[in-house]
Amino acid sequence: MEESTSLNRILPASETRTISFRGGDLVRIFSVQEIGTAVRSIELTALAYGIGLHGIMGILVPEVVEPINEVLEIPRDYEIVYFGLMGYPDEEIAQRFPSLNQVCYAEKWGIPVTSNLT
């Protein structure tokens, strides 16, 4: 019979340990990242209906969020993790974005990405 490795062996109770999780700031960081994923889903769905969504950068920076909290009278024990403006655009704006090879590099700085994406 083959000897079991540590990856596939079931440990007897005498060899197990209790693991406790202390999340602290890590939980907050991961939660904020998950909110970003949710907001992206909302943004893409809104876009399909012609609704624009513009997020306000720096909302986690106290100098940015404190005036917002004050104006909106948000209690101090609440934290804004996303702040965005949403609505129907009232005008068409012609905007040309740079092609991918103008803003992305491969391997090293200055070596354009070779792609047919624009």
PDB file of N, CA and C in Angstrom:
ATOM      1  N   MET A   1       0.841  -1.185   0.000  1.00  0.00           N
ATOM      2  CA  MET A   1       0.000   0.000   0.000  1.00  0.00           C
ATOM      3  C   MET A   1       0.883   1.244   0.000  1.00  0.00           C
ATOM      4  N   GLU A   2       0.473   2.272  -0.785  1.00  0.00           N
ATOM      5  CA  GLU A   2       1.236   3.510  -0.876  1.00  0.00           C
ATOM      6  C   GLU A   2       1.121   4.326   0.399  1.00  0.00           C
ATOM      7  N   GLU A   3       2.188   5.026   0.729  1.00  0.00           N
ATOM      8  CA  GLU A   3       2.151   5.910   1.886  1.00  0.00           C
ATOM      9  C   GLU A   3       1.365   7.161   1.523  1.00  0.00           C
ATOM     10  N   SER A   4       0.482   7.601   2.390  1.00  0.00           N
ATOM     11  CA  SER A   4      -0.327   8.795   2.144  1.00  0.00           C
ATOM     12  C   SER A   4       0.533  10.043   2.250  1.00  0.00           C
ATOM     13  N   THR A   5       0.261  11.002   1.405  1.00  0.00           N
ATOM     14  CA  THR A   5       0.924  12.299   1.522  1.00  0.00           C
ATOM     15  C   THR A   5       0.099  13.191   2.423  1.00  0.00           C
ATOM     16  N   SER A   6       0.681  14.292   2.827  1.00  0.00           N
ATOM     17  CA  SER A   6      -0.043  15.204   3.714  1.00  0.00           C
ATOM     18  C   SER A   6      -1.252  15.829   3.035  1.00  0.00           C
ATOM     19  N   LEU A   7      -1.296  15.806   1.705  1.00  0.00           N
ATOM     20  CA  LEU A   7      -2.409  16.433   0.994  1.00  0.00           C
ATOM     21  C   LEU A   7      -3.644  15.549   0.942  1.00  0.00           C
ATOM     22  N   ASN A   8      -3.468  14.245   1.008  1.00  0.00           N
ATOM     23  CA  ASN A   8      -4.645  13.386   0.861  1.00  0.00           C
ATOM     24  C   ASN A   8      -4.886  12.505   2.087  1.00  0.00           C
ATOM     25  N   ARG A   9      -4.219  12.752   3.172  1.00  0.00           N
ATOM     26  CA  ARG A   9      -4.358  11.950   4.375  1.00  0.00           C
ATOM     27  C   ARG A   9      -5.354  12.615   5.317  1.00  0.00           C
ATOM     28  N   ILE A  10      -6.228  11.849   5.882  1.00  0.00           N
ATOM     29  CA  ILE A  10      -7.173  12.368   6.875  1.00  0.00           C
ATOM     30  C   ILE A  10      -6.485  12.293   8.227  1.00  0.00           C
ATOM     31  N   LEU A  11      -6.428  13.412   8.917  1.00  0.00           N
ATOM     32  CA  LEU A  11      -5.751  13.478  10.204  1.00  0.00           C
ATOM     33  C   LEU A  11      -6.661  12.992  11.322  1.00  0.00           C
ATOM     34  N   PRO A  12      -6.114  12.240  12.248  1.00  0.00           N
ATOM     35  CA  PRO A  12      -6.919  11.888  13.419  1.00  0.00           C
ATOM     36  C   PRO A  12      -7.133  13.134  14.269  1.00  0.00           C
ATOM     37  N   ALA A  13      -8.141  13.114  15.106  1.00  0.00           N
ATOM     38  CA  ALA A  13      -8.487  14.281  15.915  1.00  0.00           C
ATOM     39  C   ALA A  13      -7.323  14.756  16.772  1.00  0.00           C
ATOM     40  N   SER A  14      -6.476  13.865  17.186  1.00  0.00           N
ATOM     41  CA  SER A  14      -5.355  14.257  18.045  1.00  0.00           C
ATOM     42  C   SER A  14      -4.325  15.109  17.299  1.00  0.00           C
ATOM     43  N   GLU A  15      -4.347  15.084  15.969  1.00  0.00           N
ATOM     44  CA  GLU A  15      -3.384  15.864  15.179  1.00  0.00           C
ATOM     45  C   GLU A  15      -3.983  17.132  14.588  1.00  0.00           C
ATOM     46  N   THR A  16      -5.248  17.386  14.815  1.00  0.00           N
ATOM     47  CA  THR A  16      -5.879  18.575  14.242  1.00  0.00           C
ATOM     48  C   THR A  16      -5.751  19.756  15.181  1.00  0.00           C
ATOM     49  N   ARG A  17      -5.838  20.933  14.610  1.00  0.00           N
ATOM     50  CA  ARG A  17      -5.792  22.170  15.382  1.00  0.00           C
ATOM     51  C   ARG A  17      -6.958  23.051  14.965  1.00  0.00           C
ATOM     52  N   THR A  18      -7.403  23.856  15.885  1.00  0.00           N
ATOM     53  CA  THR A  18      -8.448  24.824  15.571  1.00  0.00           C
ATOM     54  C   THR A  18      -7.794  26.041  14.927  1.00  0.00           C
ATOM     55  N   ILE A  19      -8.343  26.471  13.819  1.00  0.00           N
ATOM     56  CA  ILE A  19      -7.837  27.651  13.116  1.00  0.00           C
ATOM     57  C   ILE A  19      -8.836  28.770  13.336  1.00  0.00           C
ATOM     58  N   SER A  20      -8.368  29.892  13.813  1.00  0.00           N
ATOM     59  CA  SER A  20      -9.257  31.040  13.970  1.00  0.00           C
ATOM     60  C   SER A  20      -8.863  32.101  12.952  1.00  0.00           C
ATOM     61  N   PHE A  21      -9.863  32.752  12.424  1.00  0.00           N
ATOM     62  CA  PHE A  21      -9.639  33.774  11.397  1.00  0.00           C
ATOM     63  C   PHE A  21      -9.862  35.135  12.008  1.00  0.00           C
ATOM     64  N   ARG A  22      -8.880  35.997  11.858  1.00  0.00           N
ATOM     65  CA  ARG A  22      -9.005  37.385  12.317  1.00  0.00           C
ATOM     66  C   ARG A  22      -8.875  38.274  11.098  1.00  0.00           C
ATOM     67  N   GLY A  23      -9.990  38.654  10.558  1.00  0.00           N
ATOM     68  CA  GLY A  23      -9.987  39.373   9.296  1.00  0.00           C
ATOM     69  C   GLY A  23      -9.481  40.794   9.348  1.00  0.00           C
ATOM     70  N   GLY A  24     -10.031  41.583  10.236  1.00  0.00           N
ATOM     71  CA  GLY A  24      -9.622  42.978  10.335  1.00  0.00           C
ATOM     72  C   GLY A  24      -9.660  43.712   9.012  1.00  0.00           C
ATOM     73  N   ASP A  25      -8.553  44.390   8.695  1.00  0.00           N
ATOM     74  CA  ASP A  25      -8.477  45.191   7.473  1.00  0.00           C
ATOM     75  C   ASP A  25      -8.569  44.348   6.211  1.00  0.00           C
ATOM     76  N   LEU A  26      -8.110  43.087   6.265  1.00  0.00           N
ATOM     77  CA  LEU A  26      -8.181  42.250   5.063  1.00  0.00           C
ATOM     78  C   LEU A  26      -9.621  42.029   4.627  1.00  0.00           C
ATOM     79  N   VAL A  27     -10.507  41.803   5.577  1.00  0.00           N
ATOM     80  CA  VAL A  27     -11.916  41.618   5.238  1.00  0.00           C
ATOM     81  C   VAL A  27     -12.448  42.880   4.571  1.00  0.00           C
ATOM     82  N   ARG A  28     -12.097  44.028   5.091  1.00  0.00           N
ATOM     83  CA  ARG A  28     -12.541  45.297   4.514  1.00  0.00           C
ATOM     84  C   ARG A  28     -12.026  45.455   3.094  1.00  0.00           C
ATOM     85  N   ILE A  29     -10.749  45.160   2.877  1.00  0.00           N
ATOM     86  CA  ILE A  29     -10.160  45.284   1.536  1.00  0.00           C
ATOM     87  C   ILE A  29     -10.871  44.358   0.562  1.00  0.00           C
ATOM     88  N   PHE A  30     -11.078  43.107   0.945  1.00  0.00           N
ATOM     89  CA  PHE A  30     -11.738  42.157   0.052  1.00  0.00           C
ATOM     90  C   PHE A  30     -13.190  42.549  -0.191  1.00  0.00           C
ATOM     91  N   SER A  31     -13.841  43.093   0.834  1.00  0.00           N
ATOM     92  CA  SER A  31     -15.228  43.536   0.673  1.00  0.00           C
ATOM     93  C   SER A  31     -15.314  44.681  -0.324  1.00  0.00           C
ATOM     94  N   VAL A  32     -14.393  45.621  -0.244  1.00  0.00           N
ATOM     95  CA  VAL A  32     -14.372  46.740  -1.185  1.00  0.00           C
ATOM     96  C   VAL A  32     -14.137  46.227  -2.602  1.00  0.00           C
ATOM     97  N   GLN A  33     -13.254  45.242  -2.761  1.00  0.00           N
ATOM     98  CA  GLN A  33     -13.016  44.673  -4.087  1.00  0.00           C
ATOM     99  C   GLN A  33     -14.275  44.005  -4.626  1.00  0.00           C
ATOM    100  N   GLU A  34     -15.001  43.307  -3.772  1.00  0.00           N
ATOM    101  CA  GLU A  34     -16.244  42.676  -4.196  1.00  0.00           C
ATOM    102  C   GLU A  34     -17.282  43.713  -4.603  1.00  0.00           C
ATOM    103  N   ILE A  35     -17.300  44.839  -3.908  1.00  0.00           N
ATOM    104  CA  ILE A  35     -18.219  45.915  -4.269  1.00  0.00           C
ATOM    105  C   ILE A  35     -17.887  46.426  -5.664  1.00  0.00           C
ATOM    106  N   GLY A  36     -16.596  46.514  -5.974  1.00  0.00           N
ATOM    107  CA  GLY A  36     -16.187  46.927  -7.319  1.00  0.00           C
ATOM    108  C   GLY A  36     -16.728  46.005  -8.388  1.00  0.00           C
ATOM    109  N   THR A  37     -16.706  44.717  -8.122  1.00  0.00           N
ATOM    110  CA  THR A  37     -17.244  43.738  -9.064  1.00  0.00           C
ATOM    111  C   THR A  37     -18.751  43.925  -9.223  1.00  0.00           C
ATOM    112  N   ALA A  38     -19.448  44.145  -8.131  1.00  0.00           N
ATOM    113  CA  ALA A  38     -20.894  44.362  -8.196  1.00  0.00           C
ATOM    114  C   ALA A  38     -21.230  45.634  -8.962  1.00  0.00           C
ATOM    115  N   VAL A  39     -20.464  46.697  -8.700  1.00  0.00           N
ATOM    116  CA  VAL A  39     -20.696  47.969  -9.397  1.00  0.00           C
ATOM    117  C   VAL A  39     -20.466  47.797 -10.895  1.00  0.00           C
ATOM    118  N   ARG A  40     -19.446  47.051 -11.270  1.00  0.00           N
ATOM    119  CA  ARG A  40     -19.183  46.817 -12.695  1.00  0.00           C
ATOM    120  C   ARG A  40     -20.377  46.121 -13.342  1.00  0.00           C
ATOM    121  N   SER A  41     -20.981  45.162 -12.657  1.00  0.00           N
ATOM    122  CA  SER A  41     -22.165  44.481 -13.190  1.00  0.00           C
ATOM    123  C   SER A  41     -23.327  45.452 -13.358  1.00  0.00           C
ATOM    124  N   ILE A  42     -23.523  46.311 -12.361  1.00  0.00           N
ATOM    125  CA  ILE A  42     -24.582  47.321 -12.449  1.00  0.00           C
ATOM    126  C   ILE A  42     -24.302  48.269 -13.608  1.00  0.00           C
ATOM    127  N   GLU A  43     -23.058  48.684 -13.745  1.00  0.00           N
ATOM    128  CA  GLU A  43     -22.676  49.616 -14.805  1.00  0.00           C
ATOM    129  C   GLU A  43     -22.939  49.017 -16.183  1.00  0.00           C
ATOM    130  N   LEU A  44     -22.565  47.775 -16.382  1.00  0.00           N
ATOM    131  CA  LEU A  44     -22.761  47.140 -17.689  1.00  0.00           C
ATOM    132  C   LEU A  44     -24.244  46.936 -17.995  1.00  0.00           C
ATOM    133  N   THR A  45     -25.015  46.574 -16.979  1.00  0.00           N
ATOM    134  CA  THR A  45     -26.459  46.421 -17.180  1.00  0.00           C
ATOM    135  C   THR A  45     -27.098  47.769 -17.491  1.00  0.00           C
ATOM    136  N   ALA A  46     -26.719  48.801 -16.748  1.00  0.00           N
ATOM    137  CA  ALA A  46     -27.259  50.140 -17.000  1.00  0.00           C
ATOM    138  C   ALA A  46     -26.920  50.601 -18.411  1.00  0.00           C
ATOM    139  N   LEU A  47     -25.694  50.339 -18.831  1.00  0.00           N
ATOM    140  CA  LEU A  47     -25.260  50.736 -20.170  1.00  0.00           C
ATOM    141  C   LEU A  47     -26.126  50.105 -21.254  1.00  0.00           C
ATOM    142  N   ALA A  48     -26.550  48.869 -21.030  1.00  0.00           N
ATOM    143  CA  ALA A  48     -27.428  48.194 -21.994  1.00  0.00           C
ATOM    144  C   ALA A  48     -28.766  48.917 -22.135  1.00  0.00           C
ATOM    145  N   TYR A  49     -29.159  49.670 -21.117  1.00  0.00           N
ATOM    146  CA  TYR A  49     -30.404  50.437 -21.145  1.00  0.00           C
ATOM    147  C   TYR A  49     -30.176  51.916 -21.455  1.00  0.00           C
ATOM    148  N   GLY A  50     -28.944  52.245 -21.831  1.00  0.00           N
ATOM    149  CA  GLY A  50     -28.635  53.625 -22.184  1.00  0.00           C
ATOM    150  C   GLY A  50     -28.396  54.535 -20.996  1.00  0.00           C
ATOM    151  N   ILE A  51     -28.189  53.951 -19.832  1.00  0.00           N
ATOM    152  CA  ILE A  51     -27.955  54.731 -18.617  1.00  0.00           C
ATOM    153  C   ILE A  51     -26.453  54.791 -18.362  1.00  0.00           C
ATOM    154  N   GLY A  52     -25.966  55.975 -18.069  1.00  0.00           N
ATOM    155  CA  GLY A  52     -24.552  56.138 -17.765  1.00  0.00           C
ATOM    156  C   GLY A  52     -24.301  56.084 -16.268  1.00  0.00           C
ATOM    157  N   LEU A  53     -23.123  55.576 -15.887  1.00  0.00           N
ATOM    158  CA  LEU A  53     -22.725  55.513 -14.484  1.00  0.00           C
ATOM    159  C   LEU A  53     -21.286  55.992 -14.390  1.00  0.00           C
ATOM    160  N   HIS A  54     -21.065  56.979 -13.552  1.00  0.00           N
ATOM    161  CA  HIS A  54     -19.719  57.531 -13.388  1.00  0.00           C
ATOM    162  C   HIS A  54     -19.339  57.489 -11.916  1.00  0.00           C
ATOM    163  N   GLY A  55     -18.321  56.692 -11.589  1.00  0.00           N
ATOM    164  CA  GLY A  55     -17.868  56.581 -10.213  1.00  0.00           C
ATOM    165  C   GLY A  55     -16.956  57.736  -9.844  1.00  0.00           C
ATOM    166  N   ILE A  56     -17.033  58.149  -8.592  1.00  0.00           N
ATOM    167  CA  ILE A  56     -16.190  59.219  -8.073  1.00  0.00           C
ATOM    168  C   ILE A  56     -14.953  58.570  -7.445  1.00  0.00           C
ATOM    169  N   MET A  57     -13.796  58.921  -7.965  1.00  0.00           N
ATOM    170  CA  MET A  57     -12.546  58.345  -7.469  1.00  0.00           C
ATOM    171  C   MET A  57     -12.181  58.922  -6.104  1.00  0.00           C
ATOM    172  N   GLY A  58     -11.433  58.149  -5.337  1.00  0.00           N
ATOM    173  CA  GLY A  58     -10.902  58.618  -4.072  1.00  0.00           C
ATOM    174  C   GLY A  58     -11.885  58.609  -2.929  1.00  0.00           C
ATOM    175  N   ILE A  59     -12.990  57.909  -3.069  1.00  0.00           N
ATOM    176  CA  ILE A  59     -14.034  57.957  -2.052  1.00  0.00           C
ATOM    177  C   ILE A  59     -13.572  57.354  -0.724  1.00  0.00           C
ATOM    178  N   LEU A  60     -12.521  56.546  -0.744  1.00  0.00           N
ATOM    179  CA  LEU A  60     -12.008  55.966   0.492  1.00  0.00           C
ATOM    180  C   LEU A  60     -11.000  56.879   1.184  1.00  0.00           C
ATOM    181  N   VAL A  61     -10.668  57.994   0.554  1.00  0.00           N
ATOM    182  CA  VAL A  61      -9.728  58.959   1.127  1.00  0.00           C
ATOM    183  C   VAL A  61     -10.527  59.924   2.011  1.00  0.00           C
ATOM    184  N   PRO A  62     -10.134  60.063   3.281  1.00  0.00           N
ATOM    185  CA  PRO A  62     -10.908  60.915   4.191  1.00  0.00           C
ATOM    186  C   PRO A  62     -11.156  62.329   3.677  1.00  0.00           C
ATOM    187  N   GLU A  63     -10.175  62.943   3.034  1.00  0.00           N
ATOM    188  CA  GLU A  63     -10.334  64.320   2.542  1.00  0.00           C
ATOM    189  C   GLU A  63     -11.409  64.422   1.466  1.00  0.00           C
ATOM    190  N   VAL A  64     -11.671  63.321   0.778  1.00  0.00           N
ATOM    191  CA  VAL A  64     -12.702  63.316  -0.260  1.00  0.00           C
ATOM    192  C   VAL A  64     -14.068  62.994   0.336  1.00  0.00           C
ATOM    193  N   VAL A  65     -14.116  61.990   1.191  1.00  0.00           N
ATOM    194  CA  VAL A  65     -15.407  61.497   1.665  1.00  0.00           C
ATOM    195  C   VAL A  65     -16.013  62.337   2.795  1.00  0.00           C
ATOM    196  N   GLU A  66     -15.194  62.975   3.609  1.00  0.00           N
ATOM    197  CA  GLU A  66     -15.743  63.734   4.741  1.00  0.00           C
ATOM    198  C   GLU A  66     -16.698  64.848   4.316  1.00  0.00           C
ATOM    199  N   PRO A  67     -16.373  65.659   3.308  1.00  0.00           N
ATOM    200  CA  PRO A  67     -17.353  66.669   2.873  1.00  0.00           C
ATOM    201  C   PRO A  67     -18.643  66.048   2.314  1.00  0.00           C
ATOM    202  N   ILE A  68     -18.515  64.910   1.656  1.00  0.00           N
ATOM    203  CA  ILE A  68     -19.709  64.228   1.127  1.00  0.00           C
ATOM    204  C   ILE A  68     -20.580  63.756   2.286  1.00  0.00           C
ATOM    205  N   ASN A  69     -19.949  63.135   3.278  1.00  0.00           N
ATOM    206  CA  ASN A  69     -20.697  62.682   4.461  1.00  0.00           C
ATOM    207  C   ASN A  69     -21.412  63.840   5.136  1.00  0.00           C
ATOM    208  N   GLU A  70     -20.730  64.981   5.215  1.00  0.00           N
ATOM    209  CA  GLU A  70     -21.308  66.155   5.869  1.00  0.00           C
ATOM    210  C   GLU A  70     -22.523  66.673   5.098  1.00  0.00           C
ATOM    211  N   VAL A  71     -22.382  66.839   3.797  1.00  0.00           N
ATOM    212  CA  VAL A  71     -23.475  67.372   2.977  1.00  0.00           C
ATOM    213  C   VAL A  71     -24.673  66.428   2.970  1.00  0.00           C
ATOM    214  N   LEU A  72     -24.406  65.116   2.872  1.00  0.00           N
ATOM    215  CA  LEU A  72     -25.495  64.138   2.814  1.00  0.00           C
ATOM    216  C   LEU A  72     -25.968  63.689   4.193  1.00  0.00           C
ATOM    217  N   GLU A  73     -25.336  64.223   5.243  1.00  0.00           N
ATOM    218  CA  GLU A  73     -25.674  63.899   6.628  1.00  0.00           C
ATOM    219  C   GLU A  73     -25.635  62.391   6.893  1.00  0.00           C
ATOM    220  N   ILE A  74     -24.567  61.768   6.432  1.00  0.00           N
ATOM    221  CA  ILE A  74     -24.376  60.332   6.644  1.00  0.00           C
ATOM    222  C   ILE A  74     -23.775  60.143   8.040  1.00  0.00           C
ATOM    223  N   PRO A  75     -24.364  59.273   8.854  1.00  0.00           N
ATOM    224  CA  PRO A  75     -23.835  59.052  10.206  1.00  0.00           C
ATOM    225  C   PRO A  75     -22.374  58.578  10.173  1.00  0.00           C
ATOM    226  N   ARG A  76     -21.624  58.954  11.210  1.00  0.00           N
ATOM    227  CA  ARG A  76     -20.200  58.637  11.282  1.00  0.00           C
ATOM    228  C   ARG A  76     -19.913  57.141  11.341  1.00  0.00           C
ATOM    229  N   ASP A  77     -20.868  56.343  11.793  1.00  0.00           N
ATOM    230  CA  ASP A  77     -20.618  54.907  11.879  1.00  0.00           C
ATOM    231  C   ASP A  77     -20.947  54.165  10.579  1.00  0.00           C
ATOM    232  N   TYR A  78     -21.178  54.919   9.499  1.00  0.00           N
ATOM    233  CA  TYR A  78     -21.373  54.346   8.175  1.00  0.00           C
ATOM    234  C   TYR A  78     -20.199  54.756   7.291  1.00  0.00           C
ATOM    235  N   GLU A  79     -19.864  53.913   6.350  1.00  0.00           N
ATOM    236  CA  GLU A  79     -18.755  54.210   5.440  1.00  0.00           C
ATOM    237  C   GLU A  79     -19.221  54.088   3.996  1.00  0.00           C
ATOM    238  N   ILE A  80     -18.975  55.111   3.209  1.00  0.00           N
ATOM    239  CA  ILE A  80     -19.261  55.036   1.772  1.00  0.00           C
ATOM    240  C   ILE A  80     -18.105  54.281   1.127  1.00  0.00           C
ATOM    241  N   VAL A  81     -18.424  53.222   0.411  1.00  0.00           N
ATOM    242  CA  VAL A  81     -17.365  52.495  -0.303  1.00  0.00           C
ATOM    243  C   VAL A  81     -17.475  52.683  -1.813  1.00  0.00           C
ATOM    244  N   TYR A  82     -18.609  53.232  -2.251  1.00  0.00           N
ATOM    245  CA  TYR A  82     -18.753  53.582  -3.670  1.00  0.00           C
ATOM    246  C   TYR A  82     -19.697  54.762  -3.749  1.00  0.00           C
ATOM    247  N   PHE A  83     -19.345  55.695  -4.613  1.00  0.00           N
ATOM    248  CA  PHE A  83     -20.196  56.856  -4.830  1.00  0.00           C
ATOM    249  C   PHE A  83     -20.206  57.114  -6.318  1.00  0.00           C
ATOM    250  N   GLY A  84     -21.377  57.109  -6.917  1.00  0.00           N
ATOM    251  CA  GLY A  84     -21.438  57.290  -8.358  1.00  0.00           C
ATOM    252  C   GLY A  84     -22.641  58.107  -8.780  1.00  0.00           C
ATOM    253  N   LEU A  85     -22.529  58.668  -9.953  1.00  0.00           N
ATOM    254  CA  LEU A  85     -23.611  59.427 -10.571  1.00  0.00           C
ATOM    255  C   LEU A  85     -24.197  58.563 -11.675  1.00  0.00           C
ATOM    256  N   MET A  86     -25.501  58.479 -11.726  1.00  0.00           N
ATOM    257  CA  MET A  86     -26.164  57.607 -12.692  1.00  0.00           C
ATOM    258  C   MET A  86     -27.308  58.369 -13.349  1.00  0.00           C
ATOM    259  N   GLY A  87     -27.454  58.218 -14.649  1.00  0.00           N
ATOM    260  CA  GLY A  87     -28.566  58.873 -15.327  1.00  0.00           C
ATOM    261  C   GLY A  87     -28.488  58.713 -16.838  1.00  0.00           C
ATOM    262  N   TYR A  88     -29.483  59.255 -17.495  1.00  0.00           N
ATOM    263  CA  TYR A  88     -29.523  59.219 -18.953  1.00  0.00           C
ATOM    264  C   TYR A  88     -28.764  60.427 -19.494  1.00  0.00           C
ATOM    265  N   PRO A  89     -27.796  60.195 -20.372  1.00  0.00           N
ATOM    266  CA  PRO A  89     -27.075  61.338 -20.960  1.00  0.00           C
ATOM    267  C   PRO A  89     -28.035  62.178 -21.789  1.00  0.00           C
ATOM    268  N   ASP A  90     -27.855  63.509 -21.743  1.00  0.00           N
ATOM    269  CA  ASP A  90     -28.741  64.372 -22.520  1.00  0.00           C
ATOM    270  C   ASP A  90     -28.105  64.847 -23.819  1.00  0.00           C
ATOM    271  N   GLU A  91     -26.921  64.354 -24.108  1.00  0.00           N
ATOM    272  CA  GLU A  91     -26.289  64.715 -25.374  1.00  0.00           C
ATOM    273  C   GLU A  91     -25.337  63.613 -25.815  1.00  0.00           C
ATOM    274  N   GLU A  92     -25.110  63.556 -27.091  1.00  0.00           N
ATOM    275  CA  GLU A  92     -24.153  62.600 -27.647  1.00  0.00           C
ATOM    276  C   GLU A  92     -22.779  63.244 -27.644  1.00  0.00           C
ATOM    277  N   ILE A  93     -21.822  62.532 -27.159  1.00  0.00           N
ATOM    278  CA  ILE A  93     -20.455  63.039 -27.134  1.00  0.00           C
ATOM    279  C   ILE A  93     -19.589  62.117 -27.978  1.00  0.00           C
ATOM    280  N   ALA A  94     -18.960  62.679 -28.972  1.00  0.00           N
ATOM    281  CA  ALA A  94     -18.053  61.893 -29.809  1.00  0.00           C
ATOM    282  C   ALA A  94     -16.692  61.875 -29.118  1.00  0.00           C
ATOM    283  N   GLN A  95     -16.322  60.701 -28.670  1.00  0.00           N
ATOM    284  CA  GLN A  95     -15.039  60.573 -27.991  1.00  0.00           C
ATOM    285  C   GLN A  95     -14.253  59.452 -28.653  1.00  0.00           C
ATOM    286  N   ARG A  96     -13.017  59.739 -28.961  1.00  0.00           N
ATOM    287  CA  ARG A  96     -12.164  58.727 -29.567  1.00  0.00           C
ATOM    288  C   ARG A  96     -11.154  58.273 -28.529  1.00  0.00           C
ATOM    289  N   PHE A  97     -11.175  56.992 -28.274  1.00  0.00           N
ATOM    290  CA  PHE A  97     -10.223  56.431 -27.329  1.00  0.00           C
ATOM    291  C   PHE A  97      -8.976  55.985 -28.083  1.00  0.00           C
ATOM    292  N   PRO A  98      -7.818  56.059 -27.438  1.00  0.00           N
ATOM    293  CA  PRO A  98      -6.596  55.599 -28.109  1.00  0.00           C
ATOM    294  C   PRO A  98      -6.656  54.099 -28.360  1.00  0.00           C
ATOM    295  N   SER A  99      -5.957  53.659 -29.375  1.00  0.00           N
ATOM    296  CA  SER A  99      -5.926  52.218 -29.640  1.00  0.00           C
ATOM    297  C   SER A  99      -5.105  51.537 -28.556  1.00  0.00           C
ATOM    298  N   LEU A 100      -5.316  50.249 -28.412  1.00  0.00           N
ATOM    299  CA  LEU A 100      -4.662  49.486 -27.361  1.00  0.00           C
ATOM    300  C   LEU A 100      -3.137  49.594 -27.435  1.00  0.00           C
ATOM    301  N   ASN A 101      -2.586  49.558 -28.639  1.00  0.00           N
ATOM    302  CA  ASN A 101      -1.120  49.602 -28.738  1.00  0.00           C
ATOM    303  C   ASN A 101      -0.542  50.989 -28.443  1.00  0.00           C
ATOM    304  N   GLN A 102      -1.390  51.984 -28.243  1.00  0.00           N
ATOM    305  CA  GLN A 102      -0.907  53.307 -27.841  1.00  0.00           C
ATOM    306  C   GLN A 102      -0.819  53.445 -26.323  1.00  0.00           C
ATOM    307  N   VAL A 103      -1.524  52.592 -25.601  1.00  0.00           N
ATOM    308  CA  VAL A 103      -1.549  52.721 -24.140  1.00  0.00           C
ATOM    309  C   VAL A 103      -1.094  51.469 -23.390  1.00  0.00           C
ATOM    310  N   CYS A 104      -0.878  50.378 -24.097  1.00  0.00           N
ATOM    311  CA  CYS A 104      -0.440  49.133 -23.462  1.00  0.00           C
ATOM    312  C   CYS A 104       0.857  48.666 -24.101  1.00  0.00           C
ATOM    313  N   TYR A 105       1.714  48.124 -23.262  1.00  0.00           N
ATOM    314  CA  TYR A 105       2.997  47.624 -23.753  1.00  0.00           C
ATOM    315  C   TYR A 105       3.149  46.157 -23.391  1.00  0.00           C
ATOM    316  N   ALA A 106       3.908  45.443 -24.207  1.00  0.00           N
ATOM    317  CA  ALA A 106       4.163  44.021 -23.990  1.00  0.00           C
ATOM    318  C   ALA A 106       5.618  43.827 -23.578  1.00  0.00           C
ATOM    319  N   GLU A 107       5.819  42.969 -22.632  1.00  0.00           N
ATOM    320  CA  GLU A 107       7.157  42.606 -22.154  1.00  0.00           C
ATOM    321  C   GLU A 107       7.889  43.761 -21.472  1.00  0.00           C
ATOM    322  N   LYS A 108       8.090  44.872 -22.175  1.00  0.00           N
ATOM    323  CA  LYS A 108       8.817  46.020 -21.627  1.00  0.00           C
ATOM    324  C   LYS A 108       8.143  47.315 -22.068  1.00  0.00           C
ATOM    325  N   TRP A 109       8.426  48.373 -21.324  1.00  0.00           N
ATOM    326  CA  TRP A 109       7.886  49.686 -21.645  1.00  0.00           C
ATOM    327  C   TRP A 109       8.307  50.092 -23.053  1.00  0.00           C
ATOM    328  N   GLY A 110       7.350  50.551 -23.838  1.00  0.00           N
ATOM    329  CA  GLY A 110       7.645  51.045 -25.177  1.00  0.00           C
ATOM    330  C   GLY A 110       7.483  50.019 -26.283  1.00  0.00           C
ATOM    331  N   ILE A 111       7.335  48.760 -25.930  1.00  0.00           N
ATOM    332  CA  ILE A 111       7.106  47.715 -26.955  1.00  0.00           C
ATOM    333  C   ILE A 111       5.594  47.536 -27.093  1.00  0.00           C
ATOM    334  N   PRO A 112       5.012  48.016 -28.196  1.00  0.00           N
ATOM    335  CA  PRO A 112       3.556  47.990 -28.348  1.00  0.00           C
ATOM    336  C   PRO A 112       2.996  46.571 -28.348  1.00  0.00           C
ATOM    337  N   VAL A 113       1.789  46.445 -27.840  1.00  0.00           N
ATOM    338  CA  VAL A 113       1.061  45.189 -27.897  1.00  0.00           C
ATOM    339  C   VAL A 113       0.686  44.958 -29.354  1.00  0.00           C
ATOM    340  N   THR A 114       0.945  43.794 -29.853  1.00  0.00           N
ATOM    341  CA  THR A 114       0.533  43.480 -31.223  1.00  0.00           C
ATOM    342  C   THR A 114      -0.815  42.791 -31.153  1.00  0.00           C
ATOM    343  N   SER A 115      -1.833  43.514 -31.501  1.00  0.00           N
ATOM    344  CA  SER A 115      -3.187  43.032 -31.424  1.00  0.00           C
ATOM    345  C   SER A 115      -4.037  43.786 -32.423  1.00  0.00           C
ATOM    346  N   ASN A 116      -5.107  43.156 -32.841  1.00  0.00           N
ATOM    347  CA  ASN A 116      -6.028  43.843 -33.739  1.00  0.00           C
ATOM    348  C   ASN A 116      -7.127  44.573 -32.961  1.00  0.00           C
ATOM    349  N   LEU A 117      -7.006  44.616 -31.622  1.00  0.00           N
ATOM    350  CA  LEU A 117      -7.977  45.348 -30.821  1.00  0.00           C
ATOM    351  C   LEU A 117      -7.740  46.846 -30.983  1.00  0.00           C
ATOM    352  N   THR A 118      -8.798  47.619 -31.045  1.00  0.00           N
ATOM    353  CA  THR A 118      -8.654  49.078 -31.135  1.00  0.00           C
ATOM    354  C   THR A 118      -9.299  49.743 -29.958  1.00  0.00           C
TER     355      THR A 118
END
